[in-house]
């Protein structure tokens, strides 16, 4: 215990679906309390009383904050009753949001278990985008760039692949291409096409740090040159010149998470679709 605060607390996340929504919300809240570490207990796919009983036993053994998204009213009533007995806080995290929807729309909700994961057109669009991005990773550009939504460019270790996969999970067909000084761009990329092209850069220090942690896996390149700061500075300058030449926006990912980078790419992508003019480079400065 520090300054009267516990060093950790138990956090139970109970869902009748995958628990992704809960995990995201809980993380957003927990990071605001840096001095106290959450011990997460994730309980997905809780859809009957027997499954809930096992969860309640764990809550009893490790009491803490309980957050849940369960549609079945009998299960939620039992969960809340037992939490009151244990004197632990219990919150249906979507309930306040649903009340706003219901008040504004003037219509009652129609509860659907795992409704955000239905096998609809959007779902299959995401699967199609994931398949596309996996096939078109690390320079494997489609023959017809009009089939891609987004093309990400950048030198090695600028998070091109994870950003592409994240965007694909959002339903955007994303390919990525490594930029290497001395190696010309594919002709298809500089010819007219419909894909949105964006370049990623980072500070030389950040790239050098990541590369040093990766060199033991790389036997196909000059490793001294690969991690040399001066050489990395030249690579970054090459990326900037190339993107400026073609009018492609640049995003500095030095202090951005994958999610933040993807969000910025989508903002630029939609700005282009709507004809909004934005600055050529996005950074945290």
C-alpha atoms as a PDB file:
ATOM      1  CA  UNK A   1       0.000   0.000   0.000  1.00  0.00           C
ATOM      2  CA  UNK A   2       1.356   3.419  -1.041  1.00  0.00           C
ATOM      3  CA  UNK A   3       0.063   6.763   0.269  1.00  0.00           C
ATOM      4  CA  UNK A   4      -2.919   4.942   1.722  1.00  0.00           C
ATOM      5  CA  UNK A   5      -3.740   3.387  -1.661  1.00  0.00           C
ATOM      6  CA  UNK A   6      -3.631  -0.329  -2.461  1.00  0.00           C
ATOM      7  CA  UNK A   7      -0.966  -1.380  -4.955  1.00  0.00           C
ATOM      8  CA  UNK A   8      -3.491  -3.414  -6.965  1.00  0.00           C
ATOM      9  CA  UNK A   9      -7.173  -4.249  -7.253  1.00  0.00           C
ATOM     10  CA  UNK A  10      -9.211  -7.019  -8.842  1.00  0.00           C
ATOM     11  CA  UNK A  11     -11.244  -6.121 -11.918  1.00  0.00           C
ATOM     12  CA  UNK A  12     -13.860  -8.580 -13.173  1.00  0.00           C
ATOM     13  CA  UNK A  13     -15.052  -8.144 -16.769  1.00  0.00           C
ATOM     14  CA  UNK A  14     -18.106 -10.263 -17.546  1.00  0.00           C
ATOM     15  CA  UNK A  15     -19.619 -10.499 -21.016  1.00  0.00           C
ATOM     16  CA  UNK A  16     -22.027 -12.710 -22.935  1.00  0.00           C
ATOM     17  CA  UNK A  17     -19.886 -11.985 -26.007  1.00  0.00           C
ATOM     18  CA  UNK A  18     -16.108 -11.771 -26.544  1.00  0.00           C
ATOM     19  CA  UNK A  19     -15.472  -9.133 -23.885  1.00  0.00           C
ATOM     20  CA  UNK A  20     -13.651  -6.802 -26.285  1.00  0.00           C
ATOM     21  CA  UNK A  21     -15.880  -3.841 -25.471  1.00  0.00           C
ATOM     22  CA  UNK A  22     -15.402  -4.298 -21.741  1.00  0.00           C
ATOM     23  CA  UNK A  23     -11.662  -4.737 -22.021  1.00  0.00           C
ATOM     24  CA  UNK A  24     -11.317  -1.511 -23.997  1.00  0.00           C
ATOM     25  CA  UNK A  25     -13.502   0.504 -21.624  1.00  0.00           C
ATOM     26  CA  UNK A  26     -11.802  -0.916 -18.534  1.00  0.00           C
ATOM     27  CA  UNK A  27      -8.335  -0.151 -19.879  1.00  0.00           C
ATOM     28  CA  UNK A  28      -9.328   3.423 -20.710  1.00  0.00           C
ATOM     29  CA  UNK A  29     -10.489   3.897 -17.123  1.00  0.00           C
ATOM     30  CA  UNK A  30      -7.725   1.987 -15.347  1.00  0.00           C
ATOM     31  CA  UNK A  31      -4.854   3.896 -16.965  1.00  0.00           C
ATOM     32  CA  UNK A  32      -6.102   7.020 -15.211  1.00  0.00           C
ATOM     33  CA  UNK A  33      -4.966   5.453 -11.915  1.00  0.00           C
ATOM     34  CA  UNK A  34      -1.301   4.812 -12.589  1.00  0.00           C
ATOM     35  CA  UNK A  35      -0.392   4.062  -8.965  1.00  0.00           C
ATOM     36  CA  UNK A  36      -2.804   1.138  -8.683  1.00  0.00           C
ATOM     37  CA  UNK A  37      -2.430  -1.958 -10.872  1.00  0.00           C
ATOM     38  CA  UNK A  38      -5.581  -3.794 -12.019  1.00  0.00           C
ATOM     39  CA  UNK A  39      -5.594  -7.581 -11.956  1.00  0.00           C
ATOM     40  CA  UNK A  40      -8.020  -8.405 -14.750  1.00  0.00           C
ATOM     41  CA  UNK A  41     -10.333 -11.398 -14.622  1.00  0.00           C
ATOM     42  CA  UNK A  42     -11.967 -11.659 -18.046  1.00  0.00           C
ATOM     43  CA  UNK A  43     -15.081 -13.830 -18.254  1.00  0.00           C
ATOM     44  CA  UNK A  44     -16.335 -14.028 -21.871  1.00  0.00           C
ATOM     45  CA  UNK A  45     -19.334 -15.928 -23.294  1.00  0.00           C
ATOM     46  CA  UNK A  46     -21.299 -16.047 -20.033  1.00  0.00           C
ATOM     47  CA  UNK A  47     -24.776 -17.054 -21.203  1.00  0.00           C
ATOM     48  CA  UNK A  48     -26.322 -19.358 -18.620  1.00  0.00           C
ATOM     49  CA  UNK A  49     -26.647 -19.720 -14.852  1.00  0.00           C
ATOM     50  CA  UNK A  50     -24.026 -22.451 -14.546  1.00  0.00           C
ATOM     51  CA  UNK A  51     -21.424 -20.268 -16.257  1.00  0.00           C
ATOM     52  CA  UNK A  52     -22.391 -17.290 -14.104  1.00  0.00           C
ATOM     53  CA  UNK A  53     -22.096 -19.374 -10.910  1.00  0.00           C
ATOM     54  CA  UNK A  54     -18.441 -20.091 -11.706  1.00  0.00           C
ATOM     55  CA  UNK A  55     -17.843 -16.352 -12.222  1.00  0.00           C
ATOM     56  CA  UNK A  56     -19.553 -15.505  -8.938  1.00  0.00           C
ATOM     57  CA  UNK A  57     -17.304 -17.947  -7.118  1.00  0.00           C
ATOM     58  CA  UNK A  58     -14.259 -16.193  -8.524  1.00  0.00           C
ATOM     59  CA  UNK A  59     -15.629 -12.779  -7.561  1.00  0.00           C
ATOM     60  CA  UNK A  60     -16.209 -14.079  -4.041  1.00  0.00           C
ATOM     61  CA  UNK A  61     -12.608 -15.356  -3.883  1.00  0.00           C
ATOM     62  CA  UNK A  62     -11.138 -12.133  -5.312  1.00  0.00           C
ATOM     63  CA  UNK A  63     -13.550  -9.256  -4.661  1.00  0.00           C
ATOM     64  CA  UNK A  64     -13.164  -6.131  -6.739  1.00  0.00           C
ATOM     65  CA  UNK A  65     -14.830  -3.919  -9.311  1.00  0.00           C
ATOM     66  CA  UNK A  66     -17.300  -5.772 -11.556  1.00  0.00           C
ATOM     67  CA  UNK A  67     -18.104  -4.478 -15.033  1.00  0.00           C
ATOM     68  CA  UNK A  68     -20.432  -6.385 -17.308  1.00  0.00           C
ATOM     69  CA  UNK A  69     -22.301  -6.456 -20.610  1.00  0.00           C
ATOM     70  CA  UNK A  70     -24.931  -9.178 -20.362  1.00  0.00           C
ATOM     71  CA  UNK A  71     -28.296  -9.079 -22.128  1.00  0.00           C
ATOM     72  CA  UNK A  72     -30.156 -11.783 -20.174  1.00  0.00           C
ATOM     73  CA  UNK A  73     -32.103  -9.977 -17.452  1.00  0.00           C
ATOM     74  CA  UNK A  74     -32.249 -12.981 -15.106  1.00  0.00           C
ATOM     75  CA  UNK A  75     -28.473 -13.284 -15.205  1.00  0.00           C
ATOM     76  CA  UNK A  76     -27.921  -9.564 -14.660  1.00  0.00           C
ATOM     77  CA  UNK A  77     -30.356  -9.565 -11.727  1.00  0.00           C
ATOM     78  CA  UNK A  78     -28.513 -12.473 -10.106  1.00  0.00           C
ATOM     79  CA  UNK A  79     -25.122 -10.883 -10.734  1.00  0.00           C
ATOM     80  CA  UNK A  80     -26.160  -7.562  -9.207  1.00  0.00           C
ATOM     81  CA  UNK A  81     -27.823  -9.273  -6.237  1.00  0.00           C
ATOM     82  CA  UNK A  82     -24.702 -11.277  -5.438  1.00  0.00           C
ATOM     83  CA  UNK A  83     -22.455  -8.223  -5.824  1.00  0.00           C
ATOM     84  CA  UNK A  84     -24.611  -6.312  -3.347  1.00  0.00           C
ATOM     85  CA  UNK A  85     -24.153  -9.153  -0.864  1.00  0.00           C
ATOM     86  CA  UNK A  86     -20.391  -9.079  -1.401  1.00  0.00           C
ATOM     87  CA  UNK A  87     -20.411  -5.271  -1.173  1.00  0.00           C
ATOM     88  CA  UNK A  88     -18.510  -4.840  -4.428  1.00  0.00           C
ATOM     89  CA  UNK A  89     -19.372  -2.253  -7.119  1.00  0.00           C
ATOM     90  CA  UNK A  90     -21.153  -3.661 -10.153  1.00  0.00           C
ATOM     91  CA  UNK A  91     -21.930  -1.746 -13.346  1.00  0.00           C
ATOM     92  CA  UNK A  92     -23.563  -2.559 -16.678  1.00  0.00           C
ATOM     93  CA  UNK A  93     -21.252  -0.341 -18.721  1.00  0.00           C
ATOM     94  CA  UNK A  94     -23.586   0.045 -21.714  1.00  0.00           C
ATOM     95  CA  UNK A  95     -26.703   0.852 -19.703  1.00  0.00           C
ATOM     96  CA  UNK A  96     -26.107   4.646 -19.468  1.00  0.00           C
ATOM     97  CA  UNK A  97     -25.438   4.747 -23.213  1.00  0.00           C
ATOM     98  CA  UNK A  98     -28.537   2.709 -24.015  1.00  0.00           C
ATOM     99  CA  UNK A  99     -30.663   5.048 -21.905  1.00  0.00           C
ATOM    100  CA  UNK A 100     -29.449   7.999 -23.981  1.00  0.00           C
ATOM    101  CA  UNK A 101     -30.292   6.126 -27.200  1.00  0.00           C
ATOM    102  CA  UNK A 102     -33.712   5.133 -25.889  1.00  0.00           C
ATOM    103  CA  UNK A 103     -34.529   8.655 -24.708  1.00  0.00           C
ATOM    104  CA  UNK A 104     -33.456  10.271 -27.971  1.00  0.00           C
ATOM    105  CA  UNK A 105     -34.964   7.686 -30.337  1.00  0.00           C
ATOM    106  CA  UNK A 106     -38.143   7.202 -28.348  1.00  0.00           C
ATOM    107  CA  UNK A 107     -37.916   3.466 -28.875  1.00  0.00           C
ATOM    108  CA  UNK A 108     -37.041   0.610 -26.503  1.00  0.00           C
ATOM    109  CA  UNK A 109     -33.917  -1.416 -27.102  1.00  0.00           C
ATOM    110  CA  UNK A 110     -34.127  -4.900 -28.574  1.00  0.00           C
ATOM    111  CA  UNK A 111     -31.374  -6.818 -26.744  1.00  0.00           C
ATOM    112  CA  UNK A 112     -29.235  -9.051 -28.963  1.00  0.00           C
ATOM    113  CA  UNK A 113     -26.452 -11.205 -27.553  1.00  0.00           C
ATOM    114  CA  UNK A 114     -23.168 -10.408 -29.344  1.00  0.00           C
ATOM    115  CA  UNK A 115     -25.062  -8.119 -31.689  1.00  0.00           C
ATOM    116  CA  UNK A 116     -21.853  -6.357 -32.725  1.00  0.00           C
ATOM    117  CA  UNK A 117     -20.487  -9.666 -34.045  1.00  0.00           C
ATOM    118  CA  UNK A 118     -23.304 -10.725 -36.362  1.00  0.00           C
ATOM    119  CA  UNK A 119     -22.307 -12.287 -39.685  1.00  0.00           C
ATOM    120  CA  UNK A 120     -23.579  -9.416 -41.801  1.00  0.00           C
ATOM    121  CA  UNK A 121     -22.165  -7.593 -44.814  1.00  0.00           C
ATOM    122  CA  UNK A 122     -19.849  -5.504 -42.623  1.00  0.00           C
ATOM    123  CA  UNK A 123     -18.421  -8.645 -41.049  1.00  0.00           C
ATOM    124  CA  UNK A 124     -17.594 -10.221 -44.401  1.00  0.00           C
ATOM    125  CA  UNK A 125     -16.147  -6.912 -45.589  1.00  0.00           C
ATOM    126  CA  UNK A 126     -13.712  -7.023 -42.646  1.00  0.00           C
ATOM    127  CA  UNK A 127     -12.763 -10.623 -43.426  1.00  0.00           C
ATOM    128  CA  UNK A 128     -12.187  -9.698 -47.064  1.00  0.00           C
ATOM    129  CA  UNK A 129     -10.043  -6.743 -46.012  1.00  0.00           C
ATOM    130  CA  UNK A 130      -7.968  -8.915 -43.654  1.00  0.00           C
ATOM    131  CA  UNK A 131      -7.328 -11.458 -46.395  1.00  0.00           C
ATOM    132  CA  UNK A 132      -6.345  -8.636 -48.756  1.00  0.00           C
ATOM    133  CA  UNK A 133      -3.917  -7.070 -46.279  1.00  0.00           C
ATOM    134  CA  UNK A 134      -2.232 -10.359 -45.431  1.00  0.00           C
ATOM    135  CA  UNK A 135      -1.678 -11.147 -49.117  1.00  0.00           C
ATOM    136  CA  UNK A 136      -0.441  -7.611 -49.841  1.00  0.00           C
ATOM    137  CA  UNK A 137       1.952  -7.221 -46.929  1.00  0.00           C
ATOM    138  CA  UNK A 138       5.519  -5.915 -47.203  1.00  0.00           C
ATOM    139  CA  UNK A 139       5.613  -4.879 -50.822  1.00  0.00           C
ATOM    140  CA  UNK A 140       3.182  -7.327 -52.388  1.00  0.00           C
ATOM    141  CA  UNK A 141       1.136  -4.653 -54.141  1.00  0.00           C
ATOM    142  CA  UNK A 142      -1.991  -5.603 -56.052  1.00  0.00           C
ATOM    143  CA  UNK A 143      -1.703  -5.512 -59.834  1.00  0.00           C
ATOM    144  CA  UNK A 144      -4.617  -3.084 -59.862  1.00  0.00           C
ATOM    145  CA  UNK A 145      -4.198  -0.527 -57.084  1.00  0.00           C
ATOM    146  CA  UNK A 146      -7.815   0.485 -57.555  1.00  0.00           C
ATOM    147  CA  UNK A 147      -8.695  -2.629 -55.521  1.00  0.00           C
ATOM    148  CA  UNK A 148      -6.904  -1.199 -52.458  1.00  0.00           C
ATOM    149  CA  UNK A 149      -8.349   1.429 -50.142  1.00  0.00           C
ATOM    150  CA  UNK A 150      -5.071   2.456 -48.512  1.00  0.00           C
ATOM    151  CA  UNK A 151      -1.363   2.005 -49.305  1.00  0.00           C
ATOM    152  CA  UNK A 152       1.097   2.571 -46.430  1.00  0.00           C
ATOM    153  CA  UNK A 153       4.722   3.435 -47.214  1.00  0.00           C
ATOM    154  CA  UNK A 154       7.680   3.617 -44.856  1.00  0.00           C
ATOM    155  CA  UNK A 155      11.194   2.484 -44.117  1.00  0.00           C
ATOM    156  CA  UNK A 156      11.767  -0.600 -42.005  1.00  0.00           C
ATOM    157  CA  UNK A 157      10.284  -0.542 -38.486  1.00  0.00           C
ATOM    158  CA  UNK A 158       7.732   2.214 -38.928  1.00  0.00           C
ATOM    159  CA  UNK A 159       4.865  -0.132 -37.925  1.00  0.00           C
ATOM    160  CA  UNK A 160       3.510  -0.588 -41.452  1.00  0.00           C
ATOM    161  CA  UNK A 161       2.295  -4.174 -41.039  1.00  0.00           C
ATOM    162  CA  UNK A 162       0.491  -3.871 -37.668  1.00  0.00           C
ATOM    163  CA  UNK A 163      -1.129  -0.635 -38.826  1.00  0.00           C
ATOM    164  CA  UNK A 164      -2.280  -2.354 -42.026  1.00  0.00           C
ATOM    165  CA  UNK A 165      -3.777  -5.249 -40.081  1.00  0.00           C
ATOM    166  CA  UNK A 166      -5.535  -2.882 -37.683  1.00  0.00           C
ATOM    167  CA  UNK A 167      -7.060  -0.948 -40.585  1.00  0.00           C
ATOM    168  CA  UNK A 168      -8.100  -4.224 -42.215  1.00  0.00           C
ATOM    169  CA  UNK A 169      -9.949  -5.152 -39.043  1.00  0.00           C
ATOM    170  CA  UNK A 170     -11.873  -1.933 -39.536  1.00  0.00           C
ATOM    171  CA  UNK A 171     -12.800  -3.077 -43.055  1.00  0.00           C
ATOM    172  CA  UNK A 172     -10.223  -1.158 -45.144  1.00  0.00           C
ATOM    173  CA  UNK A 173      -8.217  -3.064 -47.744  1.00  0.00           C
ATOM    174  CA  UNK A 174      -4.695  -1.976 -46.862  1.00  0.00           C
ATOM    175  CA  UNK A 175      -1.387  -2.845 -48.508  1.00  0.00           C
ATOM    176  CA  UNK A 176       2.040  -1.715 -47.362  1.00  0.00           C
ATOM    177  CA  UNK A 177       5.335  -1.144 -49.115  1.00  0.00           C
ATOM    178  CA  UNK A 178       8.831  -0.758 -47.628  1.00  0.00           C
ATOM    179  CA  UNK A 179      10.816   2.249 -48.800  1.00  0.00           C
ATOM    180  CA  UNK A 180      14.481   1.502 -49.500  1.00  0.00           C
ATOM    181  CA  UNK A 181      16.830   4.190 -50.864  1.00  0.00           C
ATOM    182  CA  UNK A 182      18.164   3.136 -54.250  1.00  0.00           C
ATOM    183  CA  UNK A 183      15.214   0.869 -55.025  1.00  0.00           C
ATOM    184  CA  UNK A 184      12.654   2.434 -57.341  1.00  0.00           C
ATOM    185  CA  UNK A 185       8.971   2.455 -56.504  1.00  0.00           C
ATOM    186  CA  UNK A 186       6.739   0.063 -58.451  1.00  0.00           C
ATOM    187  CA  UNK A 187       5.487   1.725 -61.602  1.00  0.00           C
ATOM    188  CA  UNK A 188       1.900   0.981 -60.634  1.00  0.00           C
ATOM    189  CA  UNK A 189       2.251   3.140 -57.519  1.00  0.00           C
ATOM    190  CA  UNK A 190       3.253   6.263 -59.419  1.00  0.00           C
ATOM    191  CA  UNK A 191       0.699   5.726 -62.203  1.00  0.00           C
ATOM    192  CA  UNK A 192      -2.878   7.002 -61.735  1.00  0.00           C
ATOM    193  CA  UNK A 193      -4.852   4.863 -59.285  1.00  0.00           C
ATOM    194  CA  UNK A 194      -7.640   5.186 -56.731  1.00  0.00           C
ATOM    195  CA  UNK A 195      -5.826   4.036 -53.566  1.00  0.00           C
ATOM    196  CA  UNK A 196      -5.024   6.522 -50.800  1.00  0.00           C
ATOM    197  CA  UNK A 197      -1.251   6.577 -50.191  1.00  0.00           C
ATOM    198  CA  UNK A 198       0.278   7.674 -46.889  1.00  0.00           C
ATOM    199  CA  UNK A 199       3.869   7.646 -45.624  1.00  0.00           C
ATOM    200  CA  UNK A 200       4.967   6.773 -42.097  1.00  0.00           C
ATOM    201  CA  UNK A 201       8.118   8.167 -40.508  1.00  0.00           C
ATOM    202  CA  UNK A 202       9.590   8.167 -37.018  1.00  0.00           C
ATOM    203  CA  UNK A 203      12.551   9.695 -35.235  1.00  0.00           C
ATOM    204  CA  UNK A 204      15.936   8.184 -36.004  1.00  0.00           C
ATOM    205  CA  UNK A 205      16.371   7.338 -32.320  1.00  0.00           C
ATOM    206  CA  UNK A 206      13.079   5.464 -32.184  1.00  0.00           C
ATOM    207  CA  UNK A 207      13.774   3.473 -35.339  1.00  0.00           C
ATOM    208  CA  UNK A 208      17.335   2.654 -34.240  1.00  0.00           C
ATOM    209  CA  UNK A 209      16.059   1.398 -30.883  1.00  0.00           C
ATOM    210  CA  UNK A 210      13.493  -0.890 -32.484  1.00  0.00           C
ATOM    211  CA  UNK A 211      15.950  -2.155 -35.068  1.00  0.00           C
ATOM    212  CA  UNK A 212      18.543  -2.993 -32.435  1.00  0.00           C
ATOM    213  CA  UNK A 213      15.941  -5.149 -30.723  1.00  0.00           C
ATOM    214  CA  UNK A 214      15.224  -6.941 -33.995  1.00  0.00           C
ATOM    215  CA  UNK A 215      18.646  -7.470 -35.557  1.00  0.00           C
ATOM    216  CA  UNK A 216      19.103 -10.980 -34.211  1.00  0.00           C
ATOM    217  CA  UNK A 217      16.240 -12.126 -36.431  1.00  0.00           C
ATOM    218  CA  UNK A 218      17.603 -10.517 -39.576  1.00  0.00           C
ATOM    219  CA  UNK A 219      20.278 -12.391 -41.468  1.00  0.00           C
ATOM    220  CA  UNK A 220      19.502 -10.949 -44.902  1.00  0.00           C
ATOM    221  CA  UNK A 221      20.950  -7.436 -44.596  1.00  0.00           C
ATOM    222  CA  UNK A 222      23.934  -5.344 -43.524  1.00  0.00           C
ATOM    223  CA  UNK A 223      23.168  -5.125 -39.819  1.00  0.00           C
ATOM    224  CA  UNK A 224      25.736  -2.426 -39.012  1.00  0.00           C
ATOM    225  CA  UNK A 225      24.182  -0.167 -41.618  1.00  0.00           C
ATOM    226  CA  UNK A 226      20.674  -1.217 -40.582  1.00  0.00           C
ATOM    227  CA  UNK A 227      21.041   0.175 -37.055  1.00  0.00           C
ATOM    228  CA  UNK A 228      23.393   3.064 -37.859  1.00  0.00           C
ATOM    229  CA  UNK A 229      21.741   6.348 -36.856  1.00  0.00           C
ATOM    230  CA  UNK A 230      23.278   8.400 -39.680  1.00  0.00           C
ATOM    231  CA  UNK A 231      22.075   5.888 -42.243  1.00  0.00           C
ATOM    232  CA  UNK A 232      18.593   5.903 -40.694  1.00  0.00           C
ATOM    233  CA  UNK A 233      18.533   9.719 -40.921  1.00  0.00           C
ATOM    234  CA  UNK A 234      19.226   9.384 -44.644  1.00  0.00           C
ATOM    235  CA  UNK A 235      16.413   6.836 -45.002  1.00  0.00           C
ATOM    236  CA  UNK A 236      13.978   9.160 -43.254  1.00  0.00           C
ATOM    237  CA  UNK A 237      15.016  12.075 -45.457  1.00  0.00           C
ATOM    238  CA  UNK A 238      14.496   9.878 -48.513  1.00  0.00           C
ATOM    239  CA  UNK A 239      10.985   8.999 -47.321  1.00  0.00           C
ATOM    240  CA  UNK A 240      10.099  12.634 -46.799  1.00  0.00           C
ATOM    241  CA  UNK A 241      11.403  13.692 -50.211  1.00  0.00           C
ATOM    242  CA  UNK A 242       9.551  10.879 -51.932  1.00  0.00           C
ATOM    243  CA  UNK A 243       6.230  11.634 -50.284  1.00  0.00           C
ATOM    244  CA  UNK A 244       6.614  15.363 -50.884  1.00  0.00           C
ATOM    245  CA  UNK A 245       7.356  14.730 -54.560  1.00  0.00           C
ATOM    246  CA  UNK A 246       4.131  12.763 -55.029  1.00  0.00           C
ATOM    247  CA  UNK A 247       1.972  14.798 -52.652  1.00  0.00           C
ATOM    248  CA  UNK A 248       1.450  11.903 -50.240  1.00  0.00           C
ATOM    249  CA  UNK A 249       0.746  12.892 -46.625  1.00  0.00           C
ATOM    250  CA  UNK A 250       3.218  11.887 -43.928  1.00  0.00           C
ATOM    251  CA  UNK A 251       2.489  10.786 -40.358  1.00  0.00           C
ATOM    252  CA  UNK A 252       5.159  10.793 -37.669  1.00  0.00           C
ATOM    253  CA  UNK A 253       4.574   7.655 -35.585  1.00  0.00           C
ATOM    254  CA  UNK A 254       7.375   8.237 -33.046  1.00  0.00           C
ATOM    255  CA  UNK A 255       4.970   8.802 -30.173  1.00  0.00           C
ATOM    256  CA  UNK A 256       1.832   7.235 -31.585  1.00  0.00           C
ATOM    257  CA  UNK A 257       0.266   3.895 -30.825  1.00  0.00           C
ATOM    258  CA  UNK A 258      -0.924   1.720 -33.710  1.00  0.00           C
ATOM    259  CA  UNK A 259      -4.494   2.763 -32.903  1.00  0.00           C
ATOM    260  CA  UNK A 260      -3.616   6.472 -32.985  1.00  0.00           C
ATOM    261  CA  UNK A 261      -1.737   6.087 -36.257  1.00  0.00           C
ATOM    262  CA  UNK A 262      -4.668   4.239 -37.821  1.00  0.00           C
ATOM    263  CA  UNK A 263      -7.107   6.886 -36.592  1.00  0.00           C
ATOM    264  CA  UNK A 264      -5.004   9.620 -38.180  1.00  0.00           C
ATOM    265  CA  UNK A 265      -4.772   7.692 -41.454  1.00  0.00           C
ATOM    266  CA  UNK A 266      -8.542   7.281 -41.528  1.00  0.00           C
ATOM    267  CA  UNK A 267      -9.041  10.989 -40.847  1.00  0.00           C
ATOM    268  CA  UNK A 268      -6.812  11.860 -43.804  1.00  0.00           C
ATOM    269  CA  UNK A 269      -8.460   9.170 -45.922  1.00  0.00           C
ATOM    270  CA  UNK A 270     -11.955  10.504 -45.256  1.00  0.00           C
ATOM    271  CA  UNK A 271     -10.785  14.084 -45.701  1.00  0.00           C
ATOM    272  CA  UNK A 272      -9.653  13.126 -49.189  1.00  0.00           C
ATOM    273  CA  UNK A 273     -12.968  11.420 -49.887  1.00  0.00           C
ATOM    274  CA  UNK A 274     -14.863  14.559 -48.862  1.00  0.00           C
ATOM    275  CA  UNK A 275     -12.448  16.979 -50.521  1.00  0.00           C
ATOM    276  CA  UNK A 276     -11.145  18.499 -47.286  1.00  0.00           C
ATOM    277  CA  UNK A 277      -7.626  19.966 -47.579  1.00  0.00           C
ATOM    278  CA  UNK A 278      -5.294  18.996 -44.704  1.00  0.00           C
ATOM    279  CA  UNK A 279      -1.683  19.704 -43.825  1.00  0.00           C
ATOM    280  CA  UNK A 280       0.894  17.501 -45.490  1.00  0.00           C
ATOM    281  CA  UNK A 281       2.299  16.134 -42.244  1.00  0.00           C
ATOM    282  CA  UNK A 282       0.734  15.019 -38.982  1.00  0.00           C
ATOM    283  CA  UNK A 283       2.807  14.848 -35.822  1.00  0.00           C
ATOM    284  CA  UNK A 284       2.410  15.177 -32.089  1.00  0.00           C
ATOM    285  CA  UNK A 285       4.255  18.489 -32.014  1.00  0.00           C
END
